[in-house]
Protein backbone atom coordinates (compact mmCIF):
# COMPACT_ATOMS: atom_id res chain seq x y z
CA MET A 1 11.24 2.10 -25.68
CA VAL A 2 12.72 1.06 -22.24
CA GLN A 3 11.92 3.41 -19.19
CA PHE A 4 12.80 3.11 -15.49
CA PHE A 5 10.79 4.36 -12.59
CA VAL A 6 11.11 3.83 -8.57
CA GLU A 7 8.38 3.53 -6.28
CA ASP A 8 8.60 3.70 -2.55
CA ILE A 9 12.61 3.24 -2.80
CA ASN A 10 16.01 5.11 -3.61
CA PHE A 11 17.24 3.51 -6.51
CA ASN A 12 19.34 4.12 -9.60
CA PRO A 13 19.60 1.47 -12.21
CA PRO A 14 23.68 0.88 -13.21
CA THR A 15 24.60 1.70 -16.49
CA PRO A 16 20.80 2.57 -17.62
CA SER A 17 22.19 3.07 -21.09
CA LYS A 18 23.56 0.25 -21.08
CA LEU A 19 20.92 -1.99 -20.40
CA LYS A 20 18.01 -0.62 -22.83
CA LYS A 21 20.32 -1.22 -25.08
CA TRP A 22 20.92 -4.97 -23.72
CA ILE A 23 17.20 -5.12 -23.65
CA SER A 24 16.63 -3.72 -27.06
CA GLN A 25 19.14 -6.36 -28.43
CA VAL A 26 17.64 -9.20 -26.48
CA VAL A 27 13.74 -8.50 -27.68
CA GLN A 28 15.54 -8.23 -31.84
CA LEU A 29 17.27 -11.08 -31.20
CA GLU A 30 14.04 -12.82 -30.64
CA GLY A 31 12.31 -11.39 -34.06
CA ARG A 32 10.11 -8.99 -31.70
CA GLU A 33 9.94 -5.27 -31.35
CA ILE A 34 9.48 -2.94 -28.17
CA LYS A 35 7.28 -1.03 -28.08
CA GLU A 36 6.73 -0.06 -24.21
CA LEU A 37 8.67 -1.43 -21.46
CA ASN A 38 8.60 0.11 -18.13
CA TYR A 39 10.68 -0.96 -15.60
CA ILE A 40 9.40 -0.18 -12.26
CA PHE A 41 11.73 -0.47 -9.00
CA CYS A 42 10.60 -0.91 -5.53
CA SER A 43 10.25 -2.66 -1.96
CA ASP A 44 9.40 -6.06 -0.83
CA THR A 45 6.36 -4.48 0.67
CA TYR A 46 5.43 -2.60 -2.44
CA LEU A 47 5.86 -5.75 -4.93
CA LEU A 48 3.57 -8.21 -1.77
CA SER A 49 1.42 -5.74 -2.42
CA MET A 50 1.23 -6.06 -5.78
CA ASN A 51 0.59 -9.61 -5.70
CA GLN A 52 -1.94 -9.70 -3.46
CA ASN A 53 -3.79 -7.20 -4.99
CA PHE A 54 -3.36 -8.62 -8.90
CA LEU A 55 -3.10 -12.07 -8.21
CA ALA A 56 -4.33 -12.96 -5.29
CA HIS A 57 -0.62 -14.55 -3.97
CA ASN A 58 0.51 -13.75 -0.23
CA THR A 59 4.38 -14.21 -0.98
CA TYR A 60 6.85 -11.99 -1.86
CA THR A 61 8.87 -11.88 -5.53
CA ASP A 62 11.18 -10.87 -7.27
CA ILE A 63 9.27 -9.76 -10.32
CA LEU A 64 5.99 -9.18 -11.54
CA THR A 65 5.61 -8.82 -15.07
CA PHE A 66 2.08 -6.97 -16.54
CA ASP A 67 2.11 -7.78 -20.59
CA ASN A 68 0.25 -4.72 -22.33
CA SER A 69 0.90 -5.78 -25.39
CA ASP A 70 -1.86 -5.13 -28.39
CA THR A 71 -0.22 -7.45 -30.82
CA PRO A 72 2.39 -10.37 -30.35
CA LEU A 73 5.40 -8.10 -32.48
CA TYR A 74 5.55 -5.42 -30.28
CA LEU A 75 6.44 -5.96 -26.62
CA SER A 76 4.61 -3.85 -24.31
CA SER A 77 4.30 -3.88 -20.90
CA ASP A 78 4.58 -2.83 -16.41
CA ILE A 79 7.60 -5.01 -15.11
CA PHE A 80 7.99 -4.72 -11.06
CA ILE A 81 11.13 -5.96 -9.77
CA SER A 82 11.78 -5.69 -5.75
CA ILE A 83 15.32 -4.33 -5.31
CA GLU A 84 15.49 -6.35 -1.93
CA ARG A 85 14.81 -9.74 -3.39
CA VAL A 86 17.09 -9.12 -5.96
CA LYS A 87 19.54 -8.49 -3.37
CA GLU A 88 18.97 -11.44 -0.77
CA ASN A 89 19.09 -13.33 -3.92
CA ALA A 90 21.84 -11.85 -5.28
CA SER A 91 23.52 -13.33 -2.11
CA THR A 92 21.79 -16.70 -1.64
CA TYR A 93 22.99 -17.52 -4.98
CA LYS A 94 26.78 -16.30 -4.54
CA VAL A 95 26.32 -13.59 -7.34
CA SER A 96 27.25 -9.66 -8.13
CA PHE A 97 24.12 -7.35 -7.17
CA ASP A 98 24.02 -6.20 -10.97
CA HIS A 99 24.26 -10.02 -12.30
CA GLU A 100 21.59 -10.86 -10.16
CA LEU A 101 19.64 -7.66 -11.16
CA ARG A 102 20.14 -8.04 -14.87
CA ARG A 103 18.57 -11.89 -14.87
CA VAL A 104 15.76 -10.34 -13.28
CA MET A 105 14.85 -7.86 -15.65
CA ILE A 106 15.72 -10.37 -18.48
CA HIS A 107 13.83 -12.72 -17.32
CA GLY A 108 10.34 -10.22 -17.24
CA VAL A 109 11.36 -10.02 -20.80
CA LEU A 110 11.20 -13.82 -21.61
CA HIS A 111 8.31 -14.52 -19.99
CA LEU A 112 7.12 -11.41 -22.14
CA LEU A 113 8.79 -13.29 -25.41
CA GLY A 114 6.49 -16.42 -24.53
CA TYR A 115 9.22 -18.23 -22.49
CA ASN A 116 7.79 -19.68 -19.12
CA ASP A 117 8.39 -21.40 -15.87
CA LYS A 118 6.02 -23.58 -14.92
CA SER A 119 7.45 -26.82 -15.08
CA ALA A 120 10.79 -28.54 -14.47
CA ASP A 121 11.44 -28.86 -18.79
CA GLN A 122 10.01 -24.84 -19.03
CA GLN A 123 12.15 -23.43 -15.92
CA THR A 124 15.46 -25.48 -17.18
CA GLU A 125 14.94 -23.64 -21.00
CA MET A 126 14.55 -20.23 -18.89
CA ARG A 127 17.80 -20.76 -17.47
CA ILE A 128 19.30 -21.43 -20.31
CA LYS A 129 18.02 -18.75 -22.09
CA GLU A 130 18.62 -16.13 -19.31
CA GLU A 131 22.46 -17.58 -19.25
CA ALA A 132 22.83 -16.93 -22.94
CA TYR A 133 21.26 -13.12 -22.80
CA LEU A 134 23.66 -12.95 -19.48
CA SER A 135 26.65 -13.34 -21.90
CA LEU A 136 25.69 -10.43 -24.23
């Protein structure tokens, strides 16, 4: 089950039912199932506080993904997304807000599926996966 929530901002994701179907399709294509994915849309300030409190990082970020899965087959997570970061990234990369939001949303799912982005090779693989799934 995919659910959307907001914290400290006023935001409604565009076409929520389409987003839920798309995310479910990606997870199925990767051979996994969704138990519970909670997307929580929030402000920079909110996400910075979480980054400081839970990861001891004093930096802004567009996404934090908390893996709550009991087993590798069934994904369960709380995924926090800063709408302010998404807007800024969309402007920086000259893409639409909706495109950047979808990229960030699937980025979190890819982490849950075992993809990383620490090394240059991992970043390349992550970007290839993101682009492939954005085209669905």
